[in-house]
Amino acid sequence: MEIRRVQVTGGASFVVTLPKDWAEAQKIAKNDPVGLIVQPDGTLLITKKITEDSVQRVKKIDVSTISDPAFLFRMLIGTYITGFTLIRITAKQRFPPFVRTVVRDFTRMTIGQEVVVETETAITIKDLLNPSEMPFDNTLKRMVVIIKNMHEDAITALDTHNSTLAMDVINRDTDADRLNWLIARQTNMILQNASLSRKMRISPGMATNYYMLSRIIERVGDHAVRIAEHSLPILDVDFDRKFMNAIKKASALSLGVFDRSIISFFNADVKEAHRNIESISDLEDICGDINNMVLKQDALVALNIAYISESIRRAGEYAGDISETVINLLVEDEIAPPGMKIRK
């Protein structure tokens, strides 16, 4: 760290000189304006960028040496999450058919990405979404609704022997993924662009916490998918209703912890977050009872119900992780999100 003393000029103005090496690297000359941004933690950011113009970041991908569609798709998702606003896909010769299929899947599964130029050897994908129009809390709340409904419908599918509903739960996982990717993308963009942080009225640190929560919530959704997947093999099996009753009870406990964890975050309620963590032991006991009950059942039923029980338990434990994150985030008033008052 370079230490510089504060000077006073004219009896009122405080002055600190800028490091010469930094100023030259930024190509700052005499009388050039610089921007000063007060950060939420009290530090001061000095930047040459004084306009609100969005920064255009371009990523070029040459697919001439790519033959695996899954690899290309992961490259595009990585580029999206990293925060590039323009993706140029090129090839020395005509694109193989899988490239256009992957691009189509990518634009369908992401928010704001559209093909704006397309030729036989070049495709340009542009980000048309204004990040400030998608606040973090709205995106997170939408994720919660989607995933809660997925979990409830997975249990209903098992209870009513509805294979169509089970498959629908599995397909809905894409909706949760695309919102998680959006939060990851916006977090990276905020970390790279201080003006966007100010425009969205969220600090880089708080954006990171939203992303951490979205990752946990997305994993709860993954377990809803697993419940649906392990329901499919036993939908036509007439197993004892006591298993279904126990599963429904465990599911209600798991979703209860999930609901209260989300509420404790948005209400900044530390005590409620603590109570949620303590309540997980009841869920673990019920899931343990289910696993013991199925030991005498047919192997197909026993295996899949055990997997379902495990996913219900894991969903509740991930909900507990949300409460732990809330406590870690809100132990000090100064790091609480804007407008949130901690309840102690």
Protein backbone atom coordinates (compact mmCIF):
# COMPACT_ATOMS: atom_id res chain seq x y z
CA MET A 1 0.00 0.00 0.00
CA GLU A 2 1.27 3.46 -0.90
CA ILE A 3 0.70 6.06 1.82
CA ARG A 4 0.14 9.72 0.90
CA ARG A 5 -0.52 12.64 3.24
CA VAL A 6 -3.60 14.83 2.91
CA GLN A 7 -2.86 18.50 2.20
CA VAL A 8 -5.17 21.48 2.69
CA THR A 9 -5.29 24.26 0.11
CA GLY A 10 -7.21 27.50 0.32
CA GLY A 11 -8.16 26.69 3.87
CA ALA A 12 -11.04 24.44 2.80
CA SER A 13 -10.07 21.91 0.14
CA PHE A 14 -8.40 18.60 0.98
CA VAL A 15 -5.88 17.46 -1.63
CA VAL A 16 -4.14 14.12 -2.26
CA THR A 17 -1.77 13.67 -5.21
CA LEU A 18 -2.22 10.72 -7.56
CA PRO A 19 0.62 8.22 -8.10
CA LYS A 20 2.48 9.20 -11.25
CA ASP A 21 2.87 5.65 -12.56
CA TRP A 22 -0.88 5.01 -12.22
CA ALA A 23 -1.81 8.32 -13.87
CA GLU A 24 0.50 7.64 -16.80
CA ALA A 25 -0.81 4.08 -17.18
CA GLN A 26 -4.35 5.50 -17.32
CA LYS A 27 -3.17 8.21 -19.76
CA ILE A 28 -4.33 10.98 -17.45
CA ALA A 29 -2.90 14.39 -18.33
CA LYS A 30 -3.06 17.83 -16.74
CA ASN A 31 -6.63 19.20 -16.40
CA ASP A 32 -8.21 15.84 -17.29
CA PRO A 33 -11.35 15.09 -15.24
CA VAL A 34 -11.54 11.98 -13.05
CA GLY A 35 -14.50 10.47 -11.27
CA LEU A 36 -14.68 9.95 -7.49
CA ILE A 37 -17.09 7.29 -6.24
CA VAL A 38 -17.75 6.74 -2.54
CA GLN A 39 -18.03 3.00 -1.89
CA PRO A 40 -20.46 1.49 0.67
CA ASP A 41 -17.54 0.60 2.97
CA GLY A 42 -16.35 4.24 3.02
CA THR A 43 -13.44 3.82 0.60
CA LEU A 44 -13.06 6.13 -2.37
CA LEU A 45 -12.80 4.85 -5.94
CA ILE A 46 -10.96 7.01 -8.46
CA THR A 47 -11.70 6.28 -12.12
CA LYS A 48 -11.00 7.82 -15.48
CA LYS A 49 -14.43 6.75 -16.68
CA ILE A 50 -16.79 9.60 -15.87
CA THR A 51 -19.75 8.67 -18.08
CA GLU A 52 -22.50 6.13 -17.54
CA ASP A 53 -21.88 4.54 -20.94
CA SER A 54 -21.93 0.77 -20.78
CA VAL A 55 -18.65 -1.03 -21.38
CA GLN A 56 -18.73 -3.25 -24.46
CA ARG A 57 -16.79 -6.46 -23.88
CA VAL A 58 -16.24 -8.68 -26.91
CA LYS A 59 -15.38 -12.39 -26.86
CA LYS A 60 -14.25 -14.15 -30.04
CA ILE A 61 -14.65 -17.93 -30.35
CA ASP A 62 -13.12 -19.79 -33.28
CA VAL A 63 -15.02 -23.06 -33.70
CA SER A 64 -12.75 -24.42 -36.41
CA THR A 65 -11.09 -26.72 -33.88
CA ILE A 66 -14.23 -27.49 -31.82
CA SER A 67 -16.07 -30.71 -32.59
CA ASP A 68 -17.88 -31.31 -29.29
CA PRO A 69 -21.27 -29.51 -28.99
CA ALA A 70 -21.22 -29.77 -25.18
CA PHE A 71 -17.84 -28.04 -25.05
CA LEU A 72 -19.06 -25.19 -27.26
CA PHE A 73 -22.18 -24.78 -25.12
CA ARG A 74 -20.10 -24.59 -21.94
CA MET A 75 -17.83 -22.03 -23.60
CA LEU A 76 -20.84 -19.87 -24.43
CA ILE A 77 -22.31 -20.17 -20.92
CA GLY A 78 -18.93 -19.28 -19.43
CA THR A 79 -18.68 -16.26 -21.71
CA TYR A 80 -22.20 -15.19 -20.72
CA ILE A 81 -21.58 -15.55 -16.97
CA THR A 82 -18.23 -13.73 -17.21
CA GLY A 83 -20.10 -10.68 -18.51
CA PHE A 84 -19.20 -10.35 -22.18
CA THR A 85 -21.76 -8.25 -24.04
CA LEU A 86 -20.84 -9.35 -27.57
CA ILE A 87 -19.89 -12.88 -28.68
CA ARG A 88 -18.45 -13.44 -32.15
CA ILE A 89 -18.35 -17.06 -33.32
CA THR A 90 -16.26 -17.64 -36.43
CA ALA A 91 -14.98 -20.49 -38.57
CA LYS A 92 -12.62 -20.70 -41.51
CA GLN A 93 -15.18 -22.72 -43.46
CA ARG A 94 -18.94 -23.21 -43.36
CA PHE A 95 -20.27 -23.98 -39.87
CA PRO A 96 -21.06 -27.63 -39.14
CA PRO A 97 -24.78 -28.06 -38.28
CA PHE A 98 -24.20 -28.54 -34.53
CA VAL A 99 -22.89 -24.96 -34.13
CA ARG A 100 -26.22 -23.36 -35.06
CA THR A 101 -28.07 -25.85 -32.85
CA VAL A 102 -25.86 -24.99 -29.87
CA VAL A 103 -26.26 -21.26 -30.51
CA ARG A 104 -30.02 -21.66 -30.67
CA ASP A 105 -30.05 -23.60 -27.38
CA PHE A 106 -27.78 -21.00 -25.78
CA THR A 107 -29.98 -18.02 -26.71
CA ARG A 108 -33.06 -19.94 -25.55
CA MET A 109 -31.55 -20.83 -22.17
CA THR A 110 -30.08 -17.41 -21.34
CA ILE A 111 -31.72 -14.06 -20.71
CA GLY A 112 -31.10 -11.16 -23.08
CA GLN A 113 -28.89 -12.97 -25.63
CA GLU A 114 -29.91 -12.60 -29.28
CA VAL A 115 -28.29 -13.40 -32.62
CA VAL A 116 -27.86 -10.09 -34.49
CA VAL A 117 -25.58 -11.23 -37.35
CA GLU A 118 -25.48 -14.65 -39.03
CA THR A 119 -23.57 -15.83 -42.10
CA GLU A 120 -22.13 -19.16 -43.22
CA THR A 121 -18.89 -18.53 -41.29
CA ALA A 122 -19.81 -15.97 -38.60
CA ILE A 123 -22.44 -15.53 -35.90
CA THR A 124 -22.67 -12.51 -33.59
CA ILE A 125 -24.64 -12.73 -30.36
CA LYS A 126 -25.45 -9.48 -28.56
CA ASP A 127 -26.66 -8.82 -25.03
CA LEU A 128 -29.90 -6.81 -25.29
CA LEU A 129 -30.68 -6.79 -21.56
CA ASN A 130 -30.19 -3.70 -19.43
CA PRO A 131 -28.84 -5.19 -16.16
CA SER A 132 -30.44 -2.45 -14.05
CA GLU A 133 -33.88 -3.60 -15.23
CA MET A 134 -33.41 -6.95 -13.46
CA PRO A 135 -32.82 -6.20 -9.74
CA PHE A 136 -31.16 -8.98 -7.77
CA ASP A 137 -33.96 -9.33 -5.22
CA ASN A 138 -36.62 -9.76 -7.91
CA THR A 139 -34.58 -12.45 -9.67
CA LEU A 140 -33.90 -14.27 -6.40
CA LYS A 141 -37.58 -14.18 -5.39
CA ARG A 142 -38.57 -15.58 -8.79
CA MET A 143 -36.06 -18.40 -8.36
CA VAL A 144 -37.56 -19.22 -4.97
CA VAL A 145 -41.10 -19.44 -6.39
CA ILE A 146 -40.00 -21.67 -9.28
CA ILE A 147 -38.02 -24.06 -7.08
CA LYS A 148 -40.62 -24.27 -4.34
CA ASN A 149 -43.25 -25.19 -6.94
CA MET A 150 -40.88 -27.77 -8.44
CA HIS A 151 -40.44 -29.46 -5.06
CA GLU A 152 -44.17 -29.44 -4.28
CA ASP A 153 -45.06 -30.77 -7.74
CA ALA A 154 -42.45 -33.53 -7.50
CA ILE A 155 -44.08 -34.78 -4.28
CA THR A 156 -47.55 -34.43 -5.84
CA ALA A 157 -46.42 -36.42 -8.88
CA LEU A 158 -45.31 -39.26 -6.60
CA ASP A 159 -48.49 -39.08 -4.54
CA THR A 160 -50.84 -39.06 -7.56
CA HIS A 161 -48.74 -41.33 -9.85
CA ASN A 162 -48.52 -38.53 -12.41
CA SER A 163 -45.59 -39.12 -14.77
CA THR A 164 -46.44 -36.04 -16.88
CA LEU A 165 -46.08 -33.78 -13.84
CA ALA A 166 -42.82 -35.48 -12.84
CA MET A 167 -41.36 -34.86 -16.30
CA ASP A 168 -42.55 -31.26 -16.17
CA VAL A 169 -40.62 -30.75 -12.91
CA ILE A 170 -37.46 -32.09 -14.56
CA ASN A 171 -37.90 -29.76 -17.54
CA ARG A 172 -38.48 -26.72 -15.32
CA ASP A 173 -34.94 -26.99 -13.95
CA THR A 174 -33.80 -24.93 -16.94
CA ASP A 175 -35.87 -21.97 -15.69
CA ALA A 176 -34.01 -22.01 -12.38
CA ASP A 177 -30.63 -22.40 -14.09
CA ARG A 178 -31.10 -19.41 -16.36
CA LEU A 179 -31.95 -17.15 -13.41
CA ASN A 180 -28.92 -18.40 -11.49
CA TRP A 181 -26.75 -17.71 -14.54
CA LEU A 182 -28.22 -14.21 -14.77
CA ILE A 183 -27.30 -13.41 -11.16
CA ALA A 184 -23.80 -14.79 -11.75
CA ARG A 185 -23.47 -12.63 -14.87
CA GLN A 186 -24.67 -9.45 -13.17
CA THR A 187 -22.35 -10.08 -10.22
CA ASN A 188 -19.34 -10.33 -12.53
CA MET A 189 -20.41 -7.22 -14.43
CA ILE A 190 -20.72 -5.25 -11.18
CA LEU A 191 -17.28 -6.39 -10.03
CA GLN A 192 -15.88 -5.09 -13.33
CA ASN A 193 -17.88 -1.86 -13.56
CA ALA A 194 -18.30 0.44 -10.55
CA SER A 195 -20.86 2.61 -12.35
CA LEU A 196 -23.16 -0.38 -12.80
CA SER A 197 -22.93 -1.07 -9.08
CA ARG A 198 -24.08 2.48 -8.41
CA LYS A 199 -26.81 2.31 -11.04
CA MET A 200 -28.24 -0.91 -9.58
CA ARG A 201 -27.84 0.44 -6.04
CA ILE A 202 -26.03 -2.62 -4.80
CA SER A 203 -22.48 -2.96 -3.55
CA PRO A 204 -20.12 -5.52 -5.13
CA GLY A 205 -20.01 -7.36 -1.81
CA MET A 206 -23.80 -7.62 -1.57
CA ALA A 207 -24.01 -8.73 -5.21
CA THR A 208 -21.59 -11.54 -4.35
CA ASN A 209 -23.83 -12.57 -1.45
CA TYR A 210 -26.87 -12.69 -3.75
CA TYR A 211 -24.93 -14.94 -6.10
CA MET A 212 -23.90 -17.21 -3.23
CA LEU A 213 -27.55 -17.52 -2.18
CA SER A 214 -28.70 -18.19 -5.73
CA ARG A 215 -26.20 -21.04 -5.99
CA ILE A 216 -27.62 -22.63 -2.84
CA ILE A 217 -31.20 -22.13 -4.02
CA GLU A 218 -30.33 -23.67 -7.39
CA ARG A 219 -29.08 -26.77 -5.56
CA VAL A 220 -32.42 -27.05 -3.75
CA GLY A 221 -33.95 -27.10 -7.24
CA ASP A 222 -31.56 -29.87 -8.29
CA HIS A 223 -32.92 -32.03 -5.48
CA ALA A 224 -36.50 -31.33 -6.60
CA VAL A 225 -35.44 -32.74 -9.97
CA ARG A 226 -33.94 -35.81 -8.29
CA ILE A 227 -37.18 -36.40 -6.38
CA ALA A 228 -39.07 -36.36 -9.68
CA GLU A 229 -36.49 -38.62 -11.37
CA HIS A 230 -36.65 -41.23 -8.61
CA SER A 231 -40.45 -41.06 -8.55
CA LEU A 232 -40.76 -42.15 -12.18
CA PRO A 233 -39.63 -45.80 -11.67
CA ILE A 234 -42.15 -46.38 -8.86
CA LEU A 235 -45.20 -44.47 -10.08
CA ASP A 236 -46.86 -47.72 -11.14
CA VAL A 237 -45.96 -49.53 -7.90
CA ASP A 238 -48.64 -49.83 -5.25
CA PHE A 239 -46.46 -49.33 -2.16
CA ASP A 240 -47.68 -48.79 1.40
CA ARG A 241 -49.29 -45.38 2.00
CA LYS A 242 -47.37 -44.96 5.24
CA PHE A 243 -44.28 -44.22 3.15
CA MET A 244 -46.12 -41.50 1.23
CA ASN A 245 -47.43 -39.95 4.44
CA ALA A 246 -43.93 -39.86 5.91
CA ILE A 247 -42.51 -38.39 2.69
CA LYS A 248 -45.15 -35.66 2.64
CA LYS A 249 -44.40 -34.82 6.28
CA ALA A 250 -40.66 -34.64 5.60
CA SER A 251 -41.27 -32.53 2.50
CA ALA A 252 -43.40 -30.05 4.47
CA LEU A 253 -40.63 -29.69 7.05
CA SER A 254 -37.99 -29.23 4.35
CA LEU A 255 -39.98 -26.57 2.51
CA GLY A 256 -40.79 -24.88 5.82
CA VAL A 257 -37.10 -24.43 6.54
CA PHE A 258 -36.60 -23.18 2.97
CA ASP A 259 -39.43 -20.63 3.23
CA ARG A 260 -38.32 -19.31 6.61
CA SER A 261 -34.69 -19.07 5.47
CA ILE A 262 -35.65 -16.87 2.54
CA ILE A 263 -37.89 -14.74 4.75
CA SER A 264 -35.12 -14.37 7.32
CA PHE A 265 -32.86 -13.04 4.56
CA PHE A 266 -35.26 -10.42 3.23
CA ASN A 267 -36.39 -9.47 6.77
CA ALA A 268 -32.79 -9.50 8.07
CA ASP A 269 -33.95 -11.65 11.00
CA VAL A 270 -30.95 -13.28 12.66
CA LYS A 271 -32.95 -15.07 15.35
CA GLU A 272 -35.28 -16.66 12.80
CA ALA A 273 -32.27 -17.83 10.80
CA HIS A 274 -30.88 -19.46 13.95
CA ARG A 275 -34.20 -21.20 14.68
CA ASN A 276 -34.27 -22.56 11.14
CA ILE A 277 -30.88 -24.18 11.56
CA GLU A 278 -31.96 -25.77 14.85
CA SER A 279 -35.13 -27.21 13.27
CA ILE A 280 -33.22 -29.26 10.70
CA SER A 281 -32.64 -32.03 13.25
CA ASP A 282 -36.40 -32.84 13.16
CA LEU A 283 -36.19 -33.25 9.39
CA GLU A 284 -33.16 -35.52 9.68
CA ASP A 285 -35.01 -37.73 12.20
CA ILE A 286 -38.01 -38.21 9.91
CA CYS A 287 -35.83 -38.97 6.89
CA GLY A 288 -33.91 -41.49 9.00
CA ASP A 289 -37.20 -43.15 9.94
CA ILE A 290 -38.20 -43.37 6.27
CA ASN A 291 -34.93 -45.06 5.38
CA ASN A 292 -35.43 -47.60 8.17
CA MET A 293 -39.03 -48.28 7.10
CA VAL A 294 -38.13 -49.16 3.51
CA LEU A 295 -35.48 -51.76 4.38
CA LYS A 296 -38.04 -54.58 4.19
CA GLN A 297 -39.53 -53.42 0.90
CA ASP A 298 -38.91 -54.55 -2.65
CA ALA A 299 -35.50 -53.38 -3.89
CA LEU A 300 -36.98 -51.04 -6.53
CA VAL A 301 -39.22 -49.30 -4.00
CA ALA A 302 -36.61 -49.25 -1.23
CA LEU A 303 -33.89 -47.77 -3.43
CA ASN A 304 -35.97 -45.00 -4.98
CA ILE A 305 -37.76 -43.99 -1.78
CA ALA A 306 -34.38 -43.84 -0.04
CA TYR A 307 -33.10 -41.52 -2.77
CA ILE A 308 -36.24 -39.37 -2.49
CA SER A 309 -35.84 -39.17 1.29
CA GLU A 310 -32.19 -38.22 0.86
CA SER A 311 -33.06 -35.40 -1.56
CA ILE A 312 -35.73 -34.04 0.79
CA ARG A 313 -33.17 -34.04 3.61
CA ARG A 314 -30.49 -32.41 1.45
CA ALA A 315 -32.93 -29.71 0.30
CA GLY A 316 -33.63 -28.88 3.94
CA GLU A 317 -29.93 -28.82 4.76
CA TYR A 318 -29.26 -26.46 1.86
CA ALA A 319 -32.06 -24.27 3.23
CA GLY A 320 -30.15 -24.33 6.51
CA ASP A 321 -27.07 -23.15 4.62
CA ILE A 322 -29.13 -20.14 3.50
CA SER A 323 -29.86 -19.34 7.15
CA GLU A 324 -26.18 -19.69 8.00
CA THR A 325 -25.36 -17.28 5.19
CA VAL A 326 -27.94 -14.84 6.55
CA ILE A 327 -26.31 -14.92 9.99
CA ASN A 328 -22.84 -14.47 8.51
CA LEU A 329 -24.06 -11.56 6.42
CA LEU A 330 -26.06 -9.72 9.05
CA VAL A 331 -23.95 -9.97 12.20
CA GLU A 332 -23.04 -6.29 11.76
CA ASP A 333 -25.50 -3.52 10.94
CA GLU A 334 -23.13 -1.82 8.55
CA ILE A 335 -23.07 -4.74 6.12
CA ALA A 336 -26.83 -5.22 5.96
CA PRO A 337 -28.45 -4.60 2.57
CA PRO A 338 -29.87 -1.08 2.02
CA GLY A 339 -33.20 -0.59 3.76
CA MET A 340 -32.84 -3.75 5.87
CA LYS A 341 -32.79 -3.49 9.66
CA ILE A 342 -31.42 -6.41 11.62
CA ARG A 343 -33.75 -8.01 14.15
CA LYS A 344 -31.69 -9.22 17.10
